[in-house]
């Protein structure tokens, strides 16, 4: 065989494989509907709910029974989240619902919460006996919820809710296809209220439709140059629409399309498009998610910086590292882009998968990113990580682990993947994430908030920067949200805490904080290895707990309270030996003594 013939044969093989690949990923009914799992709960519970805790983070299960407990034997994955802009406590999450893991027949599952995600109600799929896949949710500016799902072929269904997601009406049928994405126009433009839908090139060549009447009907499809595939949509305040994805199904070529007139109900939408270097190829298959994508191409816009467009994708970079989360940005409305930036901070030699990279932007411009990460374990076990940027993506925070490890290769509902994407929306204080994991030994959908651990309505980074929270161990989580030493009570008008690391561990650090409310007052600490058999009442209020008559006892002047009446110091720990230390604080100002509660601090050295 000549070299020319060999090259031609290889090229033909590549083209043939691309065509076969397109058929393999097509969402279509396979198995018949299976017998639903009994809707009775089991699994980890907290206050009657299925909750998974990791440090200060709480992942609340969404696909639950009427008691808020896990439903044994079902599966749920590929979640999408929508939040009512008129009442952020009203949240809806949709997902691919498999009533039994013994069938890959999936439905349009959903659950609603009217308390900000603390509790969830799963009334069952929207259409209980029909195939539906690839859910995408959004809201309009009036708080109406929209649910897009894919029943197969060249059709999509749109459902609407006018009661906060408690129930949905419809569907409206529209032309569409596999791996569709939807966006409801919330801009300040003439397109406010429009609904935009795009899908993958397999069901092309016209892959974009628009509704100008709230989803009652949709336009005929129009062509988008370079056919952005396996991606998402975003829109700026002026109504400019962006679509980001792969060029056709070429996994190493990314394209951003842009329309300035899709907002105009009187004009047929037209798009321009350009290729973007993401520093690697989108992933499909592989150990963490064998028959699914390893993350979609994602686009968001910065509401605080005109013309700033951000792109993110988990990609396979050059070299041996299998997957990283890469970020690029444009400061001129998508006309040019920066070089790719690696968001995950593990060594490139760790050979870990950072997959399902997901991005959102807060109204104040903070960029939030999450992903699944196999660092420090086999490629079958992942932990969710979080990072953020406060300077438009120029620099990124240290990566913060937010869940226990979980096995992505179990709980498959006769379909060897855990979906193709996660979904996240950010507010000023936090990121609100819908994700799938196998904490129960099966695939389930969870809701998790990131970035406001003390729930004071301020992002943790702001608390730490302003000194309203301390971070002795430097992990970007306010110390008061982490391990806190045992409170023995017996306090008066001051408050003492020691929070941060567990001080019995090597290299640990915690913050000793006294809140006395007495500006400039000298602060004394009493320490003892013994506690009194019974607290001694004090004339200034409270009672003394440390046994200061014991030879081990000390009373030390630590310093003066600041303008807020606070005093803090870092307490280092260790692992050579551990002792229980009983401590209490006193702030003295004139004849006024403010007594704190007592603590039992287990500290190492």
Protein backbone atom coordinates (compact mmCIF):
# COMPACT_ATOMS: atom_id res chain seq x y z
CA UNK A 1 0.00 0.00 0.00
CA UNK A 2 1.41 3.42 -0.96
CA UNK A 3 1.83 6.19 1.61
CA UNK A 4 -0.86 8.24 -0.14
CA UNK A 5 -3.30 5.32 0.02
CA UNK A 6 -2.49 4.73 3.70
CA UNK A 7 -3.10 8.40 4.59
CA UNK A 8 -6.40 8.36 2.69
CA UNK A 9 -7.49 5.20 4.52
CA UNK A 10 -6.64 6.74 7.91
CA UNK A 11 -8.58 9.91 7.12
CA UNK A 12 -11.53 7.85 5.96
CA UNK A 13 -11.38 5.86 9.20
CA UNK A 14 -11.40 9.03 11.29
CA UNK A 15 -14.43 10.37 9.41
CA UNK A 16 -16.23 7.04 9.76
CA UNK A 17 -15.55 6.92 13.51
CA UNK A 18 -16.94 10.43 13.93
CA UNK A 19 -20.16 9.34 12.28
CA UNK A 20 -20.43 6.22 14.44
CA UNK A 21 -19.68 8.29 17.53
CA UNK A 22 -22.58 10.61 16.72
CA UNK A 23 -24.93 7.65 16.68
CA UNK A 24 -23.56 6.24 19.93
CA UNK A 25 -24.18 9.38 21.98
CA UNK A 26 -27.66 9.94 20.63
CA UNK A 27 -30.23 10.04 23.44
CA UNK A 28 -33.02 7.68 22.48
CA UNK A 29 -35.24 5.10 24.17
CA UNK A 30 -33.51 1.77 24.72
CA UNK A 31 -35.03 -0.41 27.42
CA UNK A 32 -38.76 -0.37 28.08
CA UNK A 33 -39.87 1.35 31.29
CA UNK A 34 -38.85 -0.62 34.37
CA UNK A 35 -40.85 -1.23 37.51
CA UNK A 36 -40.39 1.85 39.74
CA UNK A 37 -38.44 1.43 42.95
CA UNK A 38 -40.57 1.60 46.12
CA UNK A 39 -40.75 5.21 47.33
CA UNK A 40 -39.51 4.40 50.82
CA UNK A 41 -36.38 5.88 52.24
CA UNK A 42 -33.08 4.62 53.58
CA UNK A 43 -29.56 5.94 53.79
CA UNK A 44 -27.85 8.77 55.69
CA UNK A 45 -30.27 11.17 57.33
CA UNK A 46 -30.02 14.37 59.29
CA UNK A 47 -33.20 15.80 60.80
CA UNK A 48 -35.13 13.36 58.65
CA UNK A 49 -33.37 14.37 55.43
CA UNK A 50 -30.74 12.68 53.27
CA UNK A 51 -27.72 14.93 53.77
CA UNK A 52 -24.03 14.32 53.17
CA UNK A 53 -21.67 16.46 55.25
CA UNK A 54 -18.04 17.31 54.57
CA UNK A 55 -16.55 19.91 56.88
CA UNK A 56 -18.83 22.97 56.67
CA UNK A 57 -20.48 21.77 53.44
CA UNK A 58 -23.86 20.05 53.35
CA UNK A 59 -25.08 18.33 50.19
CA UNK A 60 -28.85 17.93 50.40
CA UNK A 61 -30.35 15.12 48.32
CA UNK A 62 -33.07 16.25 45.91
CA UNK A 63 -34.54 13.00 44.47
CA UNK A 64 -36.12 11.93 47.76
CA UNK A 65 -39.30 10.37 49.10
CA UNK A 66 -41.99 12.32 50.92
CA UNK A 67 -39.95 12.16 54.13
CA UNK A 68 -36.88 13.67 52.46
CA UNK A 69 -35.05 10.33 52.41
CA UNK A 70 -33.26 8.46 49.65
CA UNK A 71 -35.33 6.23 47.36
CA UNK A 72 -33.59 2.91 47.13
CA UNK A 73 -33.06 1.36 43.70
CA UNK A 74 -33.61 4.38 41.43
CA UNK A 75 -31.03 6.60 39.71
CA UNK A 76 -30.85 10.32 38.97
CA UNK A 77 -28.24 12.29 37.06
CA UNK A 78 -27.56 15.20 34.66
CA UNK A 79 -29.18 17.93 36.80
CA UNK A 80 -30.16 21.48 35.83
CA UNK A 81 -31.09 24.23 38.30
CA UNK A 82 -33.27 27.36 38.10
CA UNK A 83 -33.86 30.00 40.79
CA UNK A 84 -36.73 32.49 40.92
CA UNK A 85 -35.19 35.99 40.58
CA UNK A 86 -38.20 37.49 42.39
CA UNK A 87 -37.86 35.08 45.34
CA UNK A 88 -34.51 33.25 45.54
CA UNK A 89 -35.87 30.81 48.11
CA UNK A 90 -37.87 29.18 45.29
CA UNK A 91 -35.60 26.73 43.48
CA UNK A 92 -36.32 23.96 41.00
CA UNK A 93 -33.90 21.22 39.94
CA UNK A 94 -34.59 18.87 37.02
CA UNK A 95 -32.72 15.67 36.16
CA UNK A 96 -32.82 12.43 34.21
CA UNK A 97 -34.93 10.16 36.40
CA UNK A 98 -34.46 6.37 36.13
CA UNK A 99 -37.18 4.74 38.21
CA UNK A 100 -35.03 1.62 38.46
CA UNK A 101 -31.36 0.93 37.79
CA UNK A 102 -32.47 -2.16 35.85
CA UNK A 103 -33.70 -0.04 32.92
CA UNK A 104 -32.12 2.84 31.02
CA UNK A 105 -35.59 4.29 30.34
CA UNK A 106 -35.47 7.82 31.70
CA UNK A 107 -38.01 10.52 32.51
CA UNK A 108 -38.10 14.23 33.26
CA UNK A 109 -37.60 14.21 37.01
CA UNK A 110 -37.84 17.40 39.04
CA UNK A 111 -38.09 18.67 42.60
CA UNK A 112 -38.90 22.03 44.11
CA UNK A 113 -37.82 23.87 47.24
CA UNK A 114 -39.39 27.00 48.70
CA UNK A 115 -36.92 27.37 51.59
CA UNK A 116 -33.69 28.03 49.70
CA UNK A 117 -32.78 24.37 49.23
CA UNK A 118 -33.06 23.16 52.83
CA UNK A 119 -35.84 20.73 51.96
CA UNK A 120 -37.07 19.30 48.66
CA UNK A 121 -40.29 17.86 47.29
CA UNK A 122 -40.05 15.32 44.46
CA UNK A 123 -43.59 14.73 43.15
CA UNK A 124 -42.44 12.32 40.45
CA UNK A 125 -41.58 12.93 36.77
CA UNK A 126 -43.50 15.57 34.83
CA UNK A 127 -44.60 12.87 32.37
CA UNK A 128 -44.75 9.63 34.30
CA UNK A 129 -44.82 7.12 31.42
CA UNK A 130 -42.93 8.85 28.60
CA UNK A 131 -39.24 8.95 27.67
CA UNK A 132 -37.56 12.31 28.33
CA UNK A 133 -33.87 13.16 28.63
CA UNK A 134 -31.35 16.06 28.76
CA UNK A 135 -33.21 18.46 31.10
CA UNK A 136 -32.44 22.18 30.97
CA UNK A 137 -34.22 24.66 33.27
CA UNK A 138 -34.45 28.44 33.44
CA UNK A 139 -36.74 31.22 34.67
CA UNK A 140 -37.95 34.51 33.27
CA UNK A 141 -37.76 37.83 35.13
CA UNK A 142 -41.24 37.28 36.58
CA UNK A 143 -40.27 34.01 38.25
CA UNK A 144 -41.94 31.59 35.86
CA UNK A 145 -40.03 28.32 35.49
CA UNK A 146 -39.32 26.61 32.15
CA UNK A 147 -38.28 22.97 31.71
CA UNK A 148 -36.86 21.75 28.38
CA UNK A 149 -36.54 18.01 27.75
CA UNK A 150 -35.64 15.77 24.83
CA UNK A 151 -37.93 12.88 23.88
CA UNK A 152 -35.72 11.68 21.01
CA UNK A 153 -35.59 12.34 17.28
CA UNK A 154 -35.82 15.92 16.04
CA UNK A 155 -38.22 17.22 18.67
CA UNK A 156 -38.01 18.97 22.04
CA UNK A 157 -40.63 19.59 24.72
CA UNK A 158 -41.05 22.73 26.79
CA UNK A 159 -42.99 22.72 30.06
CA UNK A 160 -43.90 25.80 32.11
CA UNK A 161 -44.64 26.37 35.80
CA UNK A 162 -46.54 29.35 37.19
CA UNK A 163 -46.51 28.23 40.84
CA UNK A 164 -42.84 28.09 41.78
CA UNK A 165 -42.20 24.68 40.25
CA UNK A 166 -44.86 22.83 42.22
CA UNK A 167 -46.40 21.66 38.95
CA UNK A 168 -45.78 22.10 35.23
CA UNK A 169 -48.12 22.60 32.27
CA UNK A 170 -47.56 21.59 28.67
CA UNK A 171 -45.73 20.49 26.74
CA UNK A 172 -45.14 22.85 23.84
CA UNK A 173 -43.46 20.89 21.05
CA UNK A 174 -40.64 22.51 19.10
CA UNK A 175 -38.10 21.47 16.51
CA UNK A 176 -34.84 20.44 18.15
CA UNK A 177 -32.40 17.65 18.80
CA UNK A 178 -29.97 15.92 21.12
CA UNK A 179 -27.95 17.84 23.74
CA UNK A 180 -30.07 20.98 23.55
CA UNK A 181 -29.54 24.04 25.74
CA UNK A 182 -32.03 26.77 26.64
CA UNK A 183 -31.78 30.35 27.87
CA UNK A 184 -34.60 32.74 28.82
CA UNK A 185 -33.84 36.38 28.03
CA UNK A 186 -33.49 38.41 31.24
CA UNK A 187 -31.60 41.29 29.59
CA UNK A 188 -32.64 44.93 29.50
CA UNK A 189 -33.16 44.73 25.74
CA UNK A 190 -36.22 44.43 23.49
CA UNK A 191 -35.78 40.65 23.70
CA UNK A 192 -36.64 40.45 27.40
CA UNK A 193 -38.73 37.30 27.83
CA UNK A 194 -37.56 35.59 24.63
CA UNK A 195 -36.58 31.94 24.87
CA UNK A 196 -33.55 30.67 22.92
CA UNK A 197 -32.77 27.02 22.24
CA UNK A 198 -29.77 25.45 20.49
CA UNK A 199 -28.83 21.79 19.97
CA UNK A 200 -26.04 19.67 18.53
CA UNK A 201 -25.13 19.41 14.85
CA UNK A 202 -26.28 15.79 14.56
CA UNK A 203 -29.78 17.18 14.13
CA UNK A 204 -28.71 20.05 11.88
CA UNK A 205 -27.89 21.89 9.77
CA UNK A 206 -30.33 24.41 11.34
CA UNK A 207 -29.88 24.13 15.10
CA UNK A 208 -31.35 27.27 16.70
CA UNK A 209 -34.93 28.37 17.45
CA UNK A 210 -36.49 31.25 19.33
CA UNK A 211 -39.79 31.98 21.05
CA UNK A 212 -40.99 35.57 21.35
CA UNK A 213 -44.22 34.75 23.20
CA UNK A 214 -43.06 33.02 26.35
CA UNK A 215 -42.82 29.53 24.90
CA UNK A 216 -46.31 29.34 23.41
CA UNK A 217 -44.72 28.81 19.97
CA UNK A 218 -41.29 28.78 18.37
CA UNK A 219 -39.78 30.01 15.11
CA UNK A 220 -38.46 27.83 12.33
CA UNK A 221 -34.84 26.74 12.92
CA UNK A 222 -31.96 28.86 11.66
CA UNK A 223 -28.33 28.00 11.01
CA UNK A 224 -25.55 28.90 13.46
CA UNK A 225 -22.09 29.06 11.81
CA UNK A 226 -19.76 26.19 12.77
CA UNK A 227 -22.62 24.47 14.64
CA UNK A 228 -21.63 24.89 18.35
CA UNK A 229 -22.19 21.44 19.86
CA UNK A 230 -22.15 20.09 23.44
CA UNK A 231 -22.22 23.58 24.91
CA UNK A 232 -24.29 26.29 26.56
CA UNK A 233 -25.76 29.76 25.99
CA UNK A 234 -25.20 33.12 27.70
CA UNK A 235 -26.43 36.68 27.24
CA UNK A 236 -25.24 40.12 28.33
CA UNK A 237 -27.34 43.02 29.60
CA UNK A 238 -27.67 44.49 26.11
CA UNK A 239 -29.16 41.24 24.82
CA UNK A 240 -26.16 39.97 22.84
CA UNK A 241 -26.40 36.18 22.74
CA UNK A 242 -23.44 33.79 22.87
CA UNK A 243 -23.34 30.07 22.05
CA UNK A 244 -20.21 28.08 22.88
CA UNK A 245 -19.39 24.49 22.00
CA UNK A 246 -17.43 22.18 19.74
CA UNK A 247 -17.15 22.75 16.03
CA UNK A 248 -19.52 20.01 14.88
CA UNK A 249 -18.20 17.01 16.87
CA UNK A 250 -14.49 17.73 16.46
CA UNK A 251 -13.43 17.42 20.08
CA UNK A 252 -10.26 19.49 19.73
CA UNK A 253 -11.93 22.50 18.08
CA UNK A 254 -14.05 24.95 20.07
CA UNK A 255 -16.21 27.68 18.58
CA UNK A 256 -18.02 30.71 20.00
CA UNK A 257 -21.00 32.05 18.04
CA UNK A 258 -22.48 35.50 18.69
CA UNK A 259 -25.75 37.16 17.71
CA UNK A 260 -26.59 40.84 18.23
CA UNK A 261 -30.05 40.56 16.68
CA UNK A 262 -31.50 37.36 18.20
CA UNK A 263 -33.14 39.66 20.73
CA UNK A 264 -35.14 41.48 18.04
CA UNK A 265 -38.55 39.79 17.53
CA UNK A 266 -38.87 41.42 14.11
CA UNK A 267 -35.62 40.03 12.69
CA UNK A 268 -34.42 36.54 11.81
CA UNK A 269 -31.47 35.75 14.11
CA UNK A 270 -28.04 35.78 12.47
CA UNK A 271 -24.72 34.79 14.03
CA UNK A 272 -21.02 35.39 13.57
CA UNK A 273 -18.54 32.81 14.89
CA UNK A 274 -14.87 32.29 15.66
CA UNK A 275 -12.65 29.45 16.84
CA UNK A 276 -11.25 29.58 20.39
CA UNK A 277 -8.18 27.82 21.79
CA UNK A 278 -9.08 26.04 25.03
CA UNK A 279 -5.67 24.41 25.42
CA UNK A 280 -6.88 20.85 24.91
CA UNK A 281 -9.70 18.63 23.71
CA UNK A 282 -13.10 18.00 25.26
CA UNK A 283 -13.25 14.56 26.83
CA UNK A 284 -15.61 11.72 26.11
CA UNK A 285 -15.50 8.43 27.97
CA UNK A 286 -12.57 7.31 30.03
CA UNK A 287 -12.48 5.92 33.54
CA UNK A 288 -14.63 8.46 35.43
CA UNK A 289 -17.56 8.47 32.98
CA UNK A 290 -17.10 5.71 30.39
CA UNK A 291 -20.05 6.40 28.07
CA UNK A 292 -20.53 10.13 28.66
CA UNK A 293 -18.94 13.49 28.18
CA UNK A 294 -16.37 14.57 30.75
CA UNK A 295 -17.87 18.05 30.77
CA UNK A 296 -19.64 20.46 28.44
CA UNK A 297 -18.27 23.65 26.92
CA UNK A 298 -19.60 26.52 29.04
CA UNK A 299 -19.98 30.26 28.42
CA UNK A 300 -20.98 33.01 30.87
CA UNK A 301 -20.85 36.80 30.80
CA UNK A 302 -19.78 39.21 33.53
CA UNK A 303 -22.66 41.52 34.50
CA UNK A 304 -20.24 44.03 36.07
CA UNK A 305 -17.75 44.38 33.20
CA UNK A 306 -19.00 45.33 29.76
CA UNK A 307 -17.74 43.01 27.04
CA UNK A 308 -16.25 40.41 29.41
CA UNK A 309 -17.08 36.88 28.23
CA UNK A 310 -15.76 33.79 30.04
CA UNK A 311 -15.37 30.27 28.62
CA UNK A 312 -14.68 27.09 30.60
CA UNK A 313 -14.29 23.42 29.82
CA UNK A 314 -12.68 20.31 31.25
CA UNK A 315 -10.12 19.43 28.59
CA UNK A 316 -7.42 16.87 27.87
CA UNK A 317 -4.26 19.01 27.62
CA UNK A 318 -1.03 18.08 25.82
CA UNK A 319 1.12 15.68 27.82
CA UNK A 320 0.30 12.85 30.21
CA UNK A 321 -2.13 14.70 32.48
CA UNK A 322 -5.53 13.31 31.41
CA UNK A 323 -7.77 16.29 32.18
CA UNK A 324 -7.71 19.85 33.56
CA UNK A 325 -10.25 22.65 33.95
CA UNK A 326 -9.31 25.44 31.54
CA UNK A 327 -10.61 29.01 31.54
CA UNK A 328 -10.27 31.73 28.90
CA UNK A 329 -11.70 35.22 28.82
CA UNK A 330 -12.52 37.97 26.38
CA UNK A 331 -12.63 41.65 27.33
CA UNK A 332 -14.04 42.82 23.99
CA UNK A 333 -17.27 40.94 23.53
CA UNK A 334 -15.77 37.73 22.20
CA UNK A 335 -13.65 39.26 19.44
CA UNK A 336 -10.43 37.88 20.96
CA UNK A 337 -9.52 35.68 23.91
CA UNK A 338 -6.74 35.21 26.42
CA UNK A 339 -4.54 32.15 26.60
CA UNK A 340 -6.06 29.26 28.57
CA UNK A 341 -5.60 29.31 32.35
CA UNK A 342 -5.58 26.14 34.46
CA UNK A 343 -8.05 26.50 37.37
CA UNK A 344 -7.20 23.28 39.26
CA UNK A 345 -4.05 23.65 41.38
CA UNK A 346 -2.89 20.03 41.68
CA UNK A 347 0.54 19.26 40.18
CA UNK A 348 0.39 18.50 36.47
CA UNK A 349 2.27 15.29 37.31
CA UNK A 350 -0.61 14.04 39.48
CA UNK A 351 -2.30 12.54 36.40
CA UNK A 352 -5.73 13.28 37.86
CA UNK A 353 -9.02 13.86 36.05
CA UNK A 354 -10.67 17.23 36.66
CA UNK A 355 -13.98 16.56 34.95
CA UNK A 356 -17.45 18.12 34.67
CA UNK A 357 -16.01 21.65 35.02
CA UNK A 358 -18.92 24.05 35.66
CA UNK A 359 -18.92 27.86 35.84
CA UNK A 360 -21.22 30.68 36.94
CA UNK A 361 -20.82 34.41 37.60
CA UNK A 362 -22.29 36.31 40.55
CA UNK A 363 -24.10 39.65 40.13
CA UNK A 364 -21.03 41.33 41.70
CA UNK A 365 -18.63 39.74 39.18
CA UNK A 366 -17.19 36.90 41.30
CA UNK A 367 -16.53 33.84 39.15
CA UNK A 368 -17.33 30.45 40.69
CA UNK A 369 -16.07 27.13 39.29
CA UNK A 370 -16.61 23.54 40.45
CA UNK A 371 -15.52 20.16 39.10
CA UNK A 372 -15.08 16.50 40.01
CA UNK A 373 -11.47 15.69 40.87
CA UNK A 374 -9.67 12.33 41.18
CA UNK A 375 -6.48 13.75 42.74
CA UNK A 376 -5.07 11.54 45.47
CA UNK A 377 -7.15 8.52 44.48
CA UNK A 378 -7.89 6.18 41.60
CA UNK A 379 -9.69 7.49 38.54
CA UNK A 380 -12.91 5.84 39.74
CA UNK A 381 -13.13 8.00 42.88
CA UNK A 382 -13.80 11.73 42.74
CA UNK A 383 -14.34 14.55 45.17
CA UNK A 384 -16.08 17.82 44.26
CA UNK A 385 -13.79 20.87 44.35
CA UNK A 386 -14.56 24.61 44.33
CA UNK A 387 -12.50 27.66 43.31
CA UNK A 388 -13.33 31.29 42.69
CA UNK A 389 -11.83 34.41 41.11
CA UNK A 390 -12.32 37.97 42.34
CA UNK A 391 -10.41 39.67 39.51
CA UNK A 392 -12.18 38.58 36.31
CA UNK A 393 -10.26 35.32 36.06
CA UNK A 394 -6.73 36.70 36.20
CA UNK A 395 -6.03 34.73 39.38
CA UNK A 396 -7.84 31.89 41.13
CA UNK A 397 -8.28 30.87 44.72
CA UNK A 398 -6.81 27.78 46.28
CA UNK A 399 -8.96 24.76 45.41
CA UNK A 400 -11.40 23.84 48.18
CA UNK A 401 -12.68 20.24 48.57
CA UNK A 402 -16.42 20.23 49.28
CA UNK A 403 -17.59 16.60 49.39
CA UNK A 404 -16.35 13.19 50.49
CA UNK A 405 -14.96 10.90 47.80
CA UNK A 406 -17.50 8.96 45.78
CA UNK A 407 -17.30 6.25 43.14
CA UNK A 408 -18.51 7.39 39.71
CA UNK A 409 -18.54 3.83 38.37
CA UNK A 410 -21.40 2.45 40.45
CA UNK A 411 -25.16 2.88 40.31
CA UNK A 412 -25.32 2.87 36.52
CA UNK A 413 -28.93 2.53 35.28
CA UNK A 414 -27.94 0.23 32.38
CA UNK A 415 -26.10 3.24 30.94
CA UNK A 416 -22.45 3.57 31.86
CA UNK A 417 -22.32 7.21 32.81
CA UNK A 418 -23.49 9.70 35.42
CA UNK A 419 -24.84 12.07 32.79
CA UNK A 420 -22.95 14.73 30.83
CA UNK A 421 -23.08 17.90 32.94
CA UNK A 422 -23.76 19.73 36.21
CA UNK A 423 -25.40 23.15 36.57
CA UNK A 424 -24.67 26.12 38.87
CA UNK A 425 -26.06 29.61 39.51
CA UNK A 426 -24.33 32.23 41.66
CA UNK A 427 -25.71 35.03 43.81
CA UNK A 428 -23.71 37.74 45.59
CA UNK A 429 -22.87 35.53 48.56
CA UNK A 430 -22.59 32.00 47.20
CA UNK A 431 -22.76 29.50 44.37
CA UNK A 432 -25.85 27.25 44.16
CA UNK A 433 -24.97 23.90 42.61
CA UNK A 434 -26.99 20.93 41.36
CA UNK A 435 -24.76 17.87 40.97
CA UNK A 436 -24.90 14.08 40.90
CA UNK A 437 -22.92 11.66 43.07
CA UNK A 438 -23.10 8.15 44.55
CA UNK A 439 -22.87 8.79 48.30
CA UNK A 440 -25.74 6.31 48.80
CA UNK A 441 -24.11 3.67 46.60
CA UNK A 442 -26.29 4.75 43.67
CA UNK A 443 -26.66 7.79 41.45
CA UNK A 444 -28.52 10.66 43.14
CA UNK A 445 -28.89 14.42 42.64
CA UNK A 446 -27.81 16.89 45.35
CA UNK A 447 -28.05 20.60 46.07
CA UNK A 448 -25.02 22.33 47.57
CA UNK A 449 -24.18 25.95 48.36
CA UNK A 450 -20.56 27.09 48.26
CA UNK A 451 -18.89 30.27 49.48
CA UNK A 452 -21.05 31.43 52.42
CA UNK A 453 -20.44 28.85 55.11
CA UNK A 454 -21.67 31.00 58.00
CA UNK A 455 -24.82 31.97 56.04
CA UNK A 456 -24.49 35.68 56.77
CA UNK A 457 -25.22 36.74 53.19
CA UNK A 458 -21.56 37.58 52.46
CA UNK A 459 -19.07 35.50 50.50
CA UNK A 460 -16.42 33.89 52.70
CA UNK A 461 -13.62 35.72 50.87
CA UNK A 462 -15.16 39.06 51.86
CA UNK A 463 -15.56 37.98 55.49
CA UNK A 464 -11.90 36.96 55.64
CA UNK A 465 -10.65 40.07 53.79
CA UNK A 466 -12.66 42.38 56.06
CA UNK A 467 -11.58 40.63 59.25
CA UNK A 468 -15.13 39.68 60.21
CA UNK A 469 -13.94 36.07 59.95
CA UNK A 470 -10.50 34.55 60.49
CA UNK A 471 -8.71 31.81 58.55
CA UNK A 472 -5.84 30.57 60.69
CA UNK A 473 -5.20 27.49 58.54
CA UNK A 474 -5.34 29.39 55.24
CA UNK A 475 -7.85 27.10 53.55
CA UNK A 476 -10.22 29.98 52.60
CA UNK A 477 -12.97 28.69 54.90
CA UNK A 478 -13.82 30.91 57.89
CA UNK A 479 -12.62 29.21 61.05
CA UNK A 480 -16.01 29.44 62.75
CA UNK A 481 -17.39 27.06 60.08
CA UNK A 482 -14.85 24.34 60.84
CA UNK A 483 -13.85 22.28 63.87
CA UNK A 484 -14.79 24.16 67.05
CA UNK A 485 -13.61 23.09 70.50
CA UNK A 486 -16.15 21.96 73.11
CA UNK A 487 -18.16 24.76 74.68
CA UNK A 488 -18.70 24.19 78.42
CA UNK A 489 -21.00 27.18 78.94
CA UNK A 490 -20.92 29.13 82.24
CA UNK A 491 -20.39 32.42 80.42
CA UNK A 492 -21.39 35.98 81.11
CA UNK A 493 -21.43 38.78 78.52
CA UNK A 494 -18.35 37.77 76.47
CA UNK A 495 -17.92 34.91 74.00
CA UNK A 496 -14.87 32.68 73.57
CA UNK A 497 -14.27 30.28 70.67
CA UNK A 498 -11.38 28.21 69.33
CA UNK A 499 -12.18 27.13 65.77
CA UNK A 500 -10.28 26.03 62.69
CA UNK A 501 -8.27 22.82 62.54
CA UNK A 502 -8.50 19.96 64.99
CA UNK A 503 -5.54 20.96 67.20
CA UNK A 504 -4.62 17.34 67.90
CA UNK A 505 -3.28 17.00 64.33
CA UNK A 506 0.22 17.85 63.12
CA UNK A 507 0.55 21.29 61.54
CA UNK A 508 -2.89 22.35 62.78
CA UNK A 509 -3.92 25.94 63.44
CA UNK A 510 -7.05 27.50 64.91
CA UNK A 511 -8.21 30.97 65.89
CA UNK A 512 -8.79 31.80 69.54
CA UNK A 513 -11.36 34.58 69.42
CA UNK A 514 -12.78 36.65 72.28
CA UNK A 515 -15.79 38.85 71.58
CA UNK A 516 -16.22 41.02 74.64
CA UNK A 517 -17.81 44.10 73.14
CA UNK A 518 -15.50 46.24 75.30
CA UNK A 519 -13.36 48.40 73.01
CA UNK A 520 -9.73 48.63 74.13
CA UNK A 521 -10.27 46.45 77.21
CA UNK A 522 -7.34 44.25 78.34
CA UNK A 523 -8.12 40.59 77.68
CA UNK A 524 -6.97 37.89 80.13
CA UNK A 525 -7.08 34.14 79.50
CA UNK A 526 -7.21 31.56 82.28
CA UNK A 527 -5.75 28.15 81.38
CA UNK A 528 -5.68 24.96 83.43
CA UNK A 529 -5.23 21.25 82.83
CA UNK A 530 -8.00 20.68 85.37
CA UNK A 531 -11.53 21.99 85.71
CA UNK A 532 -13.37 22.77 88.92
CA UNK A 533 -15.71 20.06 90.18
CA UNK A 534 -18.46 22.67 89.98
CA UNK A 535 -18.28 26.15 88.37
CA UNK A 536 -17.63 29.01 90.80
CA UNK A 537 -20.19 31.86 90.38
CA UNK A 538 -18.52 35.22 89.74
CA UNK A 539 -19.79 38.66 90.85
CA UNK A 540 -19.60 40.01 87.27
CA UNK A 541 -21.81 37.26 85.86
CA UNK A 542 -20.93 33.81 84.63
CA UNK A 543 -18.95 31.21 86.56
CA UNK A 544 -15.30 30.13 86.65
CA UNK A 545 -14.64 26.67 85.19
CA UNK A 546 -10.80 26.28 84.93
CA UNK A 547 -9.28 25.26 88.25
CA UNK A 548 -6.86 28.15 88.69
CA UNK A 549 -5.69 26.76 92.08
CA UNK A 550 -4.06 23.84 90.27
CA UNK A 551 -0.26 24.17 89.79
CA UNK A 552 -0.78 23.81 86.02
CA UNK A 553 -2.98 26.91 85.86
CA UNK A 554 -2.00 30.24 84.29
CA UNK A 555 -3.76 33.57 83.96
CA UNK A 556 -2.18 35.56 81.15
CA UNK A 557 -2.73 39.06 79.81
CA UNK A 558 -3.16 38.38 76.08
CA UNK A 559 -3.69 41.91 74.72
CA UNK A 560 -6.37 44.52 74.17
CA UNK A 561 -9.70 44.26 72.36
CA UNK A 562 -9.92 46.11 69.07
CA UNK A 563 -12.45 48.77 68.06
CA UNK A 564 -15.14 46.09 67.80
CA UNK A 565 -14.32 44.68 71.22
CA UNK A 566 -12.68 41.61 69.65
CA UNK A 567 -9.35 39.95 70.42
CA UNK A 568 -7.90 37.03 68.45
CA UNK A 569 -4.72 34.97 68.25
CA UNK A 570 -3.64 31.88 66.32
CA UNK A 571 -3.33 28.68 68.40
CA UNK A 572 -0.98 26.09 66.84
CA UNK A 573 -1.47 22.38 67.55
CA UNK A 574 0.48 19.18 67.09
CA UNK A 575 0.33 15.40 67.23
CA UNK A 576 3.11 14.35 69.62
CA UNK A 577 0.81 14.43 72.62
CA UNK A 578 -2.68 15.73 73.34
CA UNK A 579 -4.07 17.36 76.48
CA UNK A 580 -7.41 18.76 77.52
CA UNK A 581 -6.97 22.42 78.39
CA UNK A 582 -9.73 24.32 80.15
CA UNK A 583 -9.82 28.01 79.31
CA UNK A 584 -11.94 31.09 79.88
CA UNK A 585 -11.58 34.77 78.90
CA UNK A 586 -12.01 37.98 80.88
CA UNK A 587 -12.16 41.52 79.44
CA UNK A 588 -11.48 44.15 82.10
CA UNK A 589 -12.50 47.78 81.61
CA UNK A 590 -12.44 49.84 84.79
CA UNK A 591 -14.61 48.04 87.31
CA UNK A 592 -16.48 46.22 84.57
CA UNK A 593 -15.40 42.62 83.96
CA UNK A 594 -16.92 40.70 81.08
CA UNK A 595 -16.65 36.93 81.54
CA UNK A 596 -16.75 34.48 78.63
CA UNK A 597 -18.00 30.94 78.38
CA UNK A 598 -15.45 28.19 79.14
CA UNK A 599 -13.96 25.77 76.60
CA UNK A 600 -12.41 22.35 76.78
CA UNK A 601 -9.67 22.53 74.16
CA UNK A 602 -8.05 19.27 73.08
CA UNK A 603 -4.70 20.49 71.84
CA UNK A 604 -1.54 18.74 70.76
CA UNK A 605 2.07 19.87 70.79
